[in-house]
Amino acid sequence: MMDELRHFVSWAQEHIRRDPQGREKPWAVAILTYYRGQEALFRERLQQLTRQTGNTRNFQLPPGRHAVHVTLCTVDRFQGHEADVLFLSFVKSGSIGFLNSPNRLNVALTRARFQVVLVGHQAYFASERCPSALLRSLAESAHYQGDIKLSLIHI
């Protein structure tokens, strides 16, 4: 997830966003997870990456330039919000749990203005070993396949 965020920040620095008055406007990125434990881990990594150790939810990248505003949330807390680009963690060990919730999945997949990036083990979710028909369908969808490094160019 952090590697993909770094790739996006590099891209964003070359593709400056502007408001209607021509002023620079940071890209809005959301990093979403279904689990608070992952949220805490992402928070630590974002604090290290941005050197913004006091921040818990909102981060600016790159340090000193602020081409990207990152919001870190659980899927449940992000309901009603949106971002230009959304990174959604499907990383889970053990059971499928919250990943199989249609309502949570709807919230997560409909919050991006331009791009949704799903991070998880696609081969597992597409396989018969995955107990969720919903997640198998998502993993097999042509909408959610491809390499982020190529797909971000299309924003």
C-alpha atoms as a PDB file:
ATOM      1  CA  MET A   1       0.000   0.000   0.000  1.00  0.00           C
ATOM      2  CA  MET A   2       2.761   2.422   0.937  1.00  0.00           C
ATOM      3  CA  ASP A   3       4.688   1.626  -2.252  1.00  0.00           C
ATOM      4  CA  GLU A   4       1.605   2.377  -4.339  1.00  0.00           C
ATOM      5  CA  LEU A   5       1.093   5.627  -2.427  1.00  0.00           C
ATOM      6  CA  ARG A   6       4.700   6.628  -3.162  1.00  0.00           C
ATOM      7  CA  HIS A   7       4.125   5.929  -6.868  1.00  0.00           C
ATOM      8  CA  PHE A   8       1.035   8.110  -6.826  1.00  0.00           C
ATOM      9  CA  VAL A   9       2.831  10.958  -5.031  1.00  0.00           C
ATOM     10  CA  SER A  10       5.559  10.862  -7.703  1.00  0.00           C
ATOM     11  CA  TRP A  11       2.893  10.994 -10.391  1.00  0.00           C
ATOM     12  CA  ALA A  12       1.031  13.821  -8.612  1.00  0.00           C
ATOM     13  CA  GLN A  13       4.140  15.981  -8.451  1.00  0.00           C
ATOM     14  CA  GLU A  14       4.262  15.883 -12.253  1.00  0.00           C
ATOM     15  CA  HIS A  15       0.498  16.415 -12.656  1.00  0.00           C
ATOM     16  CA  ILE A  16      -0.280  19.506 -10.604  1.00  0.00           C
ATOM     17  CA  ARG A  17      -3.960  19.927  -9.875  1.00  0.00           C
ATOM     18  CA  ARG A  18      -5.486  23.398  -9.988  1.00  0.00           C
ATOM     19  CA  ASP A  19      -8.726  24.926  -8.765  1.00  0.00           C
ATOM     20  CA  PRO A  20     -10.918  27.081 -11.077  1.00  0.00           C
ATOM     21  CA  GLN A  21      -8.877  30.177 -10.127  1.00  0.00           C
ATOM     22  CA  GLY A  22      -5.636  28.479 -11.183  1.00  0.00           C
ATOM     23  CA  ARG A  23      -4.255  27.915  -7.680  1.00  0.00           C
ATOM     24  CA  GLU A  24      -2.527  24.635  -6.887  1.00  0.00           C
ATOM     25  CA  LYS A  25      -4.841  22.169  -5.217  1.00  0.00           C
ATOM     26  CA  PRO A  26      -3.546  18.937  -3.646  1.00  0.00           C
ATOM     27  CA  TRP A  27      -4.844  15.603  -4.849  1.00  0.00           C
ATOM     28  CA  ALA A  28      -7.135  14.066  -2.233  1.00  0.00           C
ATOM     29  CA  VAL A  29      -6.198  10.469  -1.430  1.00  0.00           C
ATOM     30  CA  ALA A  30      -7.939   8.171   1.012  1.00  0.00           C
ATOM     31  CA  ILE A  31      -6.331   5.078   2.469  1.00  0.00           C
ATOM     32  CA  LEU A  32      -9.098   2.848   3.739  1.00  0.00           C
ATOM     33  CA  THR A  33      -9.043  -0.392   5.659  1.00  0.00           C
ATOM     34  CA  TYR A  34     -11.738  -2.451   7.280  1.00  0.00           C
ATOM     35  CA  TYR A  35      -9.742  -2.982  10.484  1.00  0.00           C
ATOM     36  CA  ARG A  36      -8.462  -0.644  13.222  1.00  0.00           C
ATOM     37  CA  GLY A  37      -5.273  -2.677  13.641  1.00  0.00           C
ATOM     38  CA  GLN A  38      -4.343  -2.038  10.017  1.00  0.00           C
ATOM     39  CA  GLU A  39      -5.323   1.601  10.407  1.00  0.00           C
ATOM     40  CA  ALA A  40      -2.863   1.890  13.314  1.00  0.00           C
ATOM     41  CA  LEU A  41      -0.107   0.286  11.235  1.00  0.00           C
ATOM     42  CA  PHE A  42      -0.787   2.599   8.278  1.00  0.00           C
ATOM     43  CA  ARG A  43      -0.789   5.567  10.694  1.00  0.00           C
ATOM     44  CA  GLU A  44       2.700   4.647  11.914  1.00  0.00           C
ATOM     45  CA  ARG A  45       3.957   4.257   8.351  1.00  0.00           C
ATOM     46  CA  LEU A  46       2.401   7.555   7.235  1.00  0.00           C
ATOM     47  CA  GLN A  47       3.867   9.357  10.245  1.00  0.00           C
ATOM     48  CA  GLN A  48       7.305   8.013   9.340  1.00  0.00           C
ATOM     49  CA  LEU A  49       6.921   8.788   5.630  1.00  0.00           C
ATOM     50  CA  THR A  50       5.641  12.331   6.132  1.00  0.00           C
ATOM     51  CA  ARG A  51       7.565  13.139   9.318  1.00  0.00           C
ATOM     52  CA  GLN A  52       4.222  14.360  10.712  1.00  0.00           C
ATOM     53  CA  THR A  53       4.340  12.384  13.953  1.00  0.00           C
ATOM     54  CA  GLY A  54       1.511  14.293  15.612  1.00  0.00           C
ATOM     55  CA  ASN A  55      -0.981  13.550  12.860  1.00  0.00           C
ATOM     56  CA  THR A  56      -3.390  10.663  13.201  1.00  0.00           C
ATOM     57  CA  ARG A  57      -5.723  10.965  10.223  1.00  0.00           C
ATOM     58  CA  ASN A  58      -4.559  13.669   7.764  1.00  0.00           C
ATOM     59  CA  PHE A  59      -1.142  13.801   6.124  1.00  0.00           C
ATOM     60  CA  GLN A  60       0.533  15.934   3.448  1.00  0.00           C
ATOM     61  CA  LEU A  61       2.954  14.547   0.855  1.00  0.00           C
ATOM     62  CA  PRO A  62       5.641  15.060  -0.133  1.00  0.00           C
ATOM     63  CA  PRO A  63       7.084  16.793   2.937  1.00  0.00           C
ATOM     64  CA  GLY A  64       7.384  20.513   2.216  1.00  0.00           C
ATOM     65  CA  ARG A  65       5.443  20.454  -1.064  1.00  0.00           C
ATOM     66  CA  HIS A  66       1.994  19.032  -0.282  1.00  0.00           C
ATOM     67  CA  ALA A  67       0.941  17.789  -3.734  1.00  0.00           C
ATOM     68  CA  VAL A  68      -1.181  15.112  -2.039  1.00  0.00           C
ATOM     69  CA  HIS A  69      -3.478  15.244   0.985  1.00  0.00           C
ATOM     70  CA  VAL A  70      -3.912  11.766   2.501  1.00  0.00           C
ATOM     71  CA  THR A  71      -6.818  10.846   4.751  1.00  0.00           C
ATOM     72  CA  LEU A  72      -6.498   7.589   6.688  1.00  0.00           C
ATOM     73  CA  CYS A  73      -9.730   5.939   7.856  1.00  0.00           C
ATOM     74  CA  THR A  74     -11.597   2.764   8.380  1.00  0.00           C
ATOM     75  CA  VAL A  75     -14.252   2.120   5.749  1.00  0.00           C
ATOM     76  CA  ASP A  76     -16.992   2.679   8.322  1.00  0.00           C
ATOM     77  CA  ARG A  77     -15.653   6.105   9.348  1.00  0.00           C
ATOM     78  CA  PHE A  78     -15.215   7.246   5.731  1.00  0.00           C
ATOM     79  CA  GLN A  79     -18.898   6.837   4.859  1.00  0.00           C
ATOM     80  CA  GLY A  80     -20.240  10.055   3.312  1.00  0.00           C
ATOM     81  CA  HIS A  81     -16.765  11.305   2.292  1.00  0.00           C
ATOM     82  CA  GLU A  82     -14.928  11.047  -1.013  1.00  0.00           C
ATOM     83  CA  ALA A  83     -11.431  11.374  -2.437  1.00  0.00           C
ATOM     84  CA  ASP A  84      -9.841  11.730  -5.858  1.00  0.00           C
ATOM     85  CA  VAL A  85      -7.998   8.433  -5.443  1.00  0.00           C
ATOM     86  CA  LEU A  86      -8.868   5.705  -2.987  1.00  0.00           C
ATOM     87  CA  PHE A  87      -6.548   2.940  -1.823  1.00  0.00           C
ATOM     88  CA  LEU A  88      -8.513   0.099  -0.246  1.00  0.00           C
ATOM     89  CA  SER A  89      -6.784  -2.644   1.711  1.00  0.00           C
ATOM     90  CA  PHE A  90      -8.181  -6.120   1.257  1.00  0.00           C
ATOM     91  CA  VAL A  91      -5.333  -7.606   3.252  1.00  0.00           C
ATOM     92  CA  LYS A  92      -6.728 -10.034   5.795  1.00  0.00           C
ATOM     93  CA  SER A  93      -5.473 -13.183   7.403  1.00  0.00           C
ATOM     94  CA  GLY A  94      -7.786 -15.932   8.517  1.00  0.00           C
ATOM     95  CA  SER A  95     -11.496 -15.508   7.808  1.00  0.00           C
ATOM     96  CA  ILE A  96     -13.043 -13.085   5.313  1.00  0.00           C
ATOM     97  CA  GLY A  97     -14.850 -11.111   8.055  1.00  0.00           C
ATOM     98  CA  PHE A  98     -15.827  -7.529   7.216  1.00  0.00           C
ATOM     99  CA  LEU A  99     -14.475  -7.883   3.673  1.00  0.00           C
ATOM    100  CA  ASN A 100     -17.644  -9.767   2.727  1.00  0.00           C
ATOM    101  CA  SER A 101     -20.065  -7.040   3.853  1.00  0.00           C
ATOM    102  CA  PRO A 102     -21.967  -5.704   0.792  1.00  0.00           C
ATOM    103  CA  ASN A 103     -22.753  -2.415   2.557  1.00  0.00           C
ATOM    104  CA  ARG A 104     -19.150  -1.800   3.563  1.00  0.00           C
ATOM    105  CA  LEU A 105     -17.924  -2.789   0.121  1.00  0.00           C
ATOM    106  CA  ASN A 106     -20.400  -0.377  -1.491  1.00  0.00           C
ATOM    107  CA  VAL A 107     -19.159   2.472   0.709  1.00  0.00           C
ATOM    108  CA  ALA A 108     -15.539   1.673  -0.101  1.00  0.00           C
ATOM    109  CA  LEU A 109     -15.904   1.297  -3.854  1.00  0.00           C
ATOM    110  CA  THR A 110     -18.062   4.380  -4.421  1.00  0.00           C
ATOM    111  CA  ARG A 111     -15.956   6.998  -2.619  1.00  0.00           C
ATOM    112  CA  ALA A 112     -13.380   7.728  -5.374  1.00  0.00           C
ATOM    113  CA  ARG A 113     -13.796  10.553  -7.893  1.00  0.00           C
ATOM    114  CA  PHE A 114     -11.206   9.200 -10.351  1.00  0.00           C
ATOM    115  CA  GLN A 115      -9.469   5.988  -9.307  1.00  0.00           C
ATOM    116  CA  VAL A 116      -9.969   3.049  -6.939  1.00  0.00           C
ATOM    117  CA  VAL A 117      -6.905   0.966  -6.113  1.00  0.00           C
ATOM    118  CA  LEU A 118      -7.608  -2.377  -4.472  1.00  0.00           C
ATOM    119  CA  VAL A 119      -4.698  -3.929  -2.611  1.00  0.00           C
ATOM    120  CA  GLY A 120      -4.998  -7.603  -1.808  1.00  0.00           C
ATOM    121  CA  HIS A 121      -4.296 -11.093  -3.036  1.00  0.00           C
ATOM    122  CA  GLN A 122      -6.369 -11.172  -6.219  1.00  0.00           C
ATOM    123  CA  ALA A 123      -5.546 -14.803  -7.018  1.00  0.00           C
ATOM    124  CA  TYR A 124      -6.917 -15.904  -3.633  1.00  0.00           C
ATOM    125  CA  PHE A 125     -10.107 -13.851  -3.942  1.00  0.00           C
ATOM    126  CA  ALA A 126     -10.697 -15.153  -7.491  1.00  0.00           C
ATOM    127  CA  SER A 127     -10.167 -18.774  -6.440  1.00  0.00           C
ATOM    128  CA  GLU A 128     -12.622 -21.335  -5.149  1.00  0.00           C
ATOM    129  CA  ARG A 129     -10.772 -21.210  -1.801  1.00  0.00           C
ATOM    130  CA  CYS A 130     -12.378 -17.800  -1.152  1.00  0.00           C
ATOM    131  CA  PRO A 131     -15.710 -18.471   0.607  1.00  0.00           C
ATOM    132  CA  SER A 132     -17.285 -15.212  -0.629  1.00  0.00           C
ATOM    133  CA  ALA A 133     -19.076 -15.122  -3.995  1.00  0.00           C
ATOM    134  CA  LEU A 134     -19.094 -11.321  -3.716  1.00  0.00           C
ATOM    135  CA  LEU A 135     -15.313 -11.106  -3.386  1.00  0.00           C
ATOM    136  CA  ARG A 136     -14.765 -13.701  -6.122  1.00  0.00           C
ATOM    137  CA  SER A 137     -16.912 -11.604  -8.447  1.00  0.00           C
ATOM    138  CA  LEU A 138     -14.963  -8.464  -7.570  1.00  0.00           C
ATOM    139  CA  ALA A 139     -11.603 -10.201  -8.091  1.00  0.00           C
ATOM    140  CA  GLU A 140     -12.693 -11.465 -11.496  1.00  0.00           C
ATOM    141  CA  SER A 141     -14.089  -8.093 -12.661  1.00  0.00           C
ATOM    142  CA  ALA A 142     -12.201  -6.442 -15.523  1.00  0.00           C
ATOM    143  CA  HIS A 143     -12.757  -3.082 -13.765  1.00  0.00           C
ATOM    144  CA  TYR A 144     -10.355  -3.979 -10.978  1.00  0.00           C
ATOM    145  CA  GLN A 145      -7.480  -5.580 -12.810  1.00  0.00           C
ATOM    146  CA  GLY A 146      -4.218  -4.088 -13.945  1.00  0.00           C
ATOM    147  CA  ASP A 147      -1.080  -2.488 -12.711  1.00  0.00           C
ATOM    148  CA  ILE A 148      -1.501   0.753 -10.765  1.00  0.00           C
ATOM    149  CA  LYS A 149       1.645   2.206 -12.302  1.00  0.00           C
ATOM    150  CA  LEU A 150      -0.053   2.050 -15.696  1.00  0.00           C
ATOM    151  CA  SER A 151      -3.608   2.835 -14.658  1.00  0.00           C
ATOM    152  CA  LEU A 152      -2.809   6.024 -12.735  1.00  0.00           C
ATOM    153  CA  ILE A 153      -1.667   7.676 -15.952  1.00  0.00           C
ATOM    154  CA  HIS A 154      -5.302   7.713 -17.115  1.00  0.00           C
ATOM    155  CA  ILE A 155      -6.578  10.103 -14.427  1.00  0.00           C
END
